[in-house]
Amino acid sequence: MASLALTASLPKIRQSGSLFVRNNSRTSRAFLHCTPTYCQASGKDKGSDAMEKGADAAKQGADAAKQTGQDIKDKAASAAEDMTQKTKEVAGKVSETVQDMTEKAKQTVQGAWGTVKETVAGKAEDAKDCVKDNAEAVKRDMDSKN
């Protein structure tokens, strides 16, 4: 009879939990009833959270690296632009200096040419006067010998 009651109650036990048969040295067989415990998949949730946090951290790191790269690029472009501007300014100053030096050299050459012309003209006038004086002296000497 006991086995009949057990057979009738097995489907009921199976619906509510698990049935374990355990051999023990004190008892020949003991039926232990275990109710199922439901555990939530918190490991998956925690893993998913950790994965999301890792992805967010990686994204933030990539964004920070991208921003740093952009900052470096901007600073390099700014430095290059500054150097270009300074080069243009220096080139402009050099050009002005060269033009000033050219103008001064031109004035110096013109002044020297004017001085040379005056000197040559003065020497030519002196030579003309000297030739004229000598020609008159030769003419007098020739007239006196004749």
Protein backbone atom coordinates (compact mmCIF):
# COMPACT_ATOMS: atom_id res chain seq x y z
CA MET A 1 0.00 0.00 0.00
CA ALA A 2 2.80 2.29 0.76
CA SER A 3 4.15 1.85 -2.72
CA LEU A 4 0.76 2.67 -4.21
CA ALA A 5 0.56 5.91 -2.25
CA LEU A 6 4.05 6.76 -3.31
CA THR A 7 3.25 6.15 -6.98
CA ALA A 8 0.15 8.30 -6.79
CA SER A 9 2.02 11.14 -5.12
CA LEU A 10 5.03 11.11 -7.48
CA PRO A 11 3.38 13.17 -10.23
CA LYS A 12 2.30 15.73 -7.65
CA ILE A 13 5.82 15.95 -6.23
CA ARG A 14 7.31 16.22 -9.68
CA GLN A 15 5.16 19.26 -10.44
CA SER A 16 6.21 21.08 -7.34
CA GLY A 17 9.85 20.17 -7.29
CA SER A 18 12.39 17.41 -7.68
CA LEU A 19 12.58 14.14 -5.93
CA PHE A 20 15.94 12.67 -5.01
CA VAL A 21 16.50 9.16 -3.90
CA ARG A 22 19.34 8.93 -1.48
CA ASN A 23 21.04 5.88 -0.14
CA ASN A 24 22.14 6.30 3.38
CA SER A 25 23.77 3.86 5.72
CA ARG A 26 21.03 4.42 8.32
CA THR A 27 18.13 4.08 5.98
CA SER A 28 17.82 1.91 3.00
CA ARG A 29 16.27 4.56 0.85
CA ALA A 30 15.09 8.00 1.67
CA PHE A 31 13.08 10.24 -0.59
CA LEU A 32 14.11 13.81 -0.30
CA HIS A 33 11.98 16.53 -1.74
CA CYS A 34 13.59 19.61 -3.21
CA THR A 35 11.67 22.67 -4.34
CA PRO A 36 13.15 24.46 -7.31
CA THR A 37 14.79 27.76 -6.61
CA TYR A 38 14.60 30.31 -9.31
CA CYS A 39 17.68 32.42 -9.67
CA GLN A 40 17.72 35.39 -11.92
CA ALA A 41 20.33 35.63 -14.60
CA SER A 42 22.20 38.32 -12.75
CA GLY A 43 25.51 37.03 -14.02
CA LYS A 44 24.41 37.82 -17.54
CA ASP A 45 23.16 41.23 -16.48
CA LYS A 46 26.38 41.98 -14.64
CA GLY A 47 28.40 40.76 -17.59
CA SER A 48 26.30 42.85 -19.91
CA ASP A 49 26.74 45.88 -17.64
CA ALA A 50 30.47 45.28 -17.47
CA MET A 51 30.59 44.95 -21.25
CA GLU A 52 28.66 48.19 -21.67
CA LYS A 53 30.90 49.97 -19.18
CA GLY A 54 33.95 48.65 -20.99
CA ALA A 55 32.55 49.75 -24.33
CA ASP A 56 31.74 53.18 -22.90
CA ALA A 57 35.23 53.47 -21.44
CA ALA A 58 36.77 52.44 -24.76
CA LYS A 59 34.56 54.95 -26.59
CA GLN A 60 35.53 57.70 -24.14
CA GLY A 61 39.19 56.78 -24.57
CA ALA A 62 38.86 56.85 -28.35
CA ASP A 63 37.03 60.18 -28.18
CA ALA A 64 39.73 61.59 -25.89
CA ALA A 65 42.45 60.35 -28.24
CA LYS A 66 40.58 61.80 -31.21
CA GLN A 67 40.17 65.14 -29.43
CA THR A 68 43.85 65.15 -28.46
CA GLY A 69 44.81 64.40 -32.05
CA GLN A 70 42.56 67.20 -33.26
CA ASP A 71 44.07 69.59 -30.71
CA ILE A 72 47.58 68.66 -31.84
CA LYS A 73 46.54 69.08 -35.46
CA ASP A 74 45.02 72.50 -34.70
CA LYS A 75 48.12 73.61 -32.80
CA ALA A 76 50.39 72.44 -35.62
CA ALA A 77 48.26 74.24 -38.19
CA SER A 78 48.27 77.37 -36.02
CA ALA A 79 52.05 77.18 -35.62
CA ALA A 80 52.48 76.70 -39.37
CA GLU A 81 50.18 79.62 -40.03
CA ASP A 82 52.13 81.78 -37.57
CA MET A 83 55.40 80.80 -39.23
CA THR A 84 53.96 81.59 -42.66
CA GLN A 85 52.81 84.99 -41.44
CA LYS A 86 56.18 85.73 -39.82
CA THR A 87 57.97 84.60 -42.98
CA LYS A 88 55.81 86.94 -45.04
CA GLU A 89 56.53 89.80 -42.63
CA VAL A 90 60.28 89.13 -42.74
CA ALA A 91 60.18 88.82 -46.53
CA GLY A 92 58.34 92.15 -46.69
CA LYS A 93 60.92 93.78 -44.43
CA VAL A 94 63.77 92.30 -46.49
CA SER A 95 62.12 93.57 -49.67
CA GLU A 96 61.75 97.05 -48.17
CA THR A 97 65.38 96.99 -47.02
CA VAL A 98 66.56 95.89 -50.47
CA GLN A 99 64.50 98.63 -52.11
CA ASP A 100 65.95 101.20 -49.70
CA MET A 101 69.47 99.95 -50.37
CA THR A 102 68.83 100.01 -54.12
CA GLU A 103 67.55 103.57 -53.94
CA LYS A 104 70.54 104.66 -51.87
CA ALA A 105 72.95 102.92 -54.27
CA LYS A 106 71.21 104.60 -57.21
CA GLN A 107 71.51 108.00 -55.53
CA THR A 108 75.16 107.32 -54.71
CA VAL A 109 75.92 106.30 -58.31
CA GLN A 110 74.07 109.33 -59.66
CA GLY A 111 75.97 111.58 -57.27
CA ALA A 112 79.26 109.99 -58.24
CA TRP A 113 78.39 110.29 -61.95
CA GLY A 114 77.52 113.92 -61.47
CA THR A 115 80.85 114.47 -59.71
CA VAL A 116 82.71 112.60 -62.46
CA LYS A 117 80.96 114.66 -65.14
CA GLU A 118 81.81 117.87 -63.32
CA THR A 119 85.39 116.76 -62.80
CA VAL A 120 85.80 115.66 -66.41
CA ALA A 121 84.16 118.82 -67.66
CA GLY A 122 86.36 120.87 -65.39
CA LYS A 123 89.50 119.02 -66.52
CA ALA A 124 88.44 119.32 -70.16
CA GLU A 125 87.94 123.05 -69.71
CA ASP A 126 91.33 123.29 -68.05
CA ALA A 127 92.91 121.24 -70.83
CA LYS A 128 91.21 123.42 -73.43
CA ASP A 129 92.51 126.57 -71.78
CA CYS A 130 95.98 125.06 -71.50
CA VAL A 131 95.98 124.00 -75.18
CA LYS A 132 94.73 127.43 -76.18
CA ASP A 133 97.44 129.14 -74.13
CA ASN A 134 100.12 126.84 -75.53
CA ALA A 135 98.82 127.34 -79.08
CA GLU A 136 99.07 131.08 -78.68
CA ALA A 137 102.58 130.75 -77.28
CA VAL A 138 103.63 128.56 -80.20
CA LYS A 139 102.08 130.99 -82.63
CA ARG A 140 104.01 133.91 -81.11
CA ASP A 141 107.21 131.94 -81.20
CA MET A 142 106.65 131.06 -84.84
CA ASP A 143 105.85 134.65 -85.69
CA SER A 144 108.93 135.88 -83.94
CA LYS A 145 111.18 133.45 -85.82
CA ASN A 146 109.80 134.51 -89.16
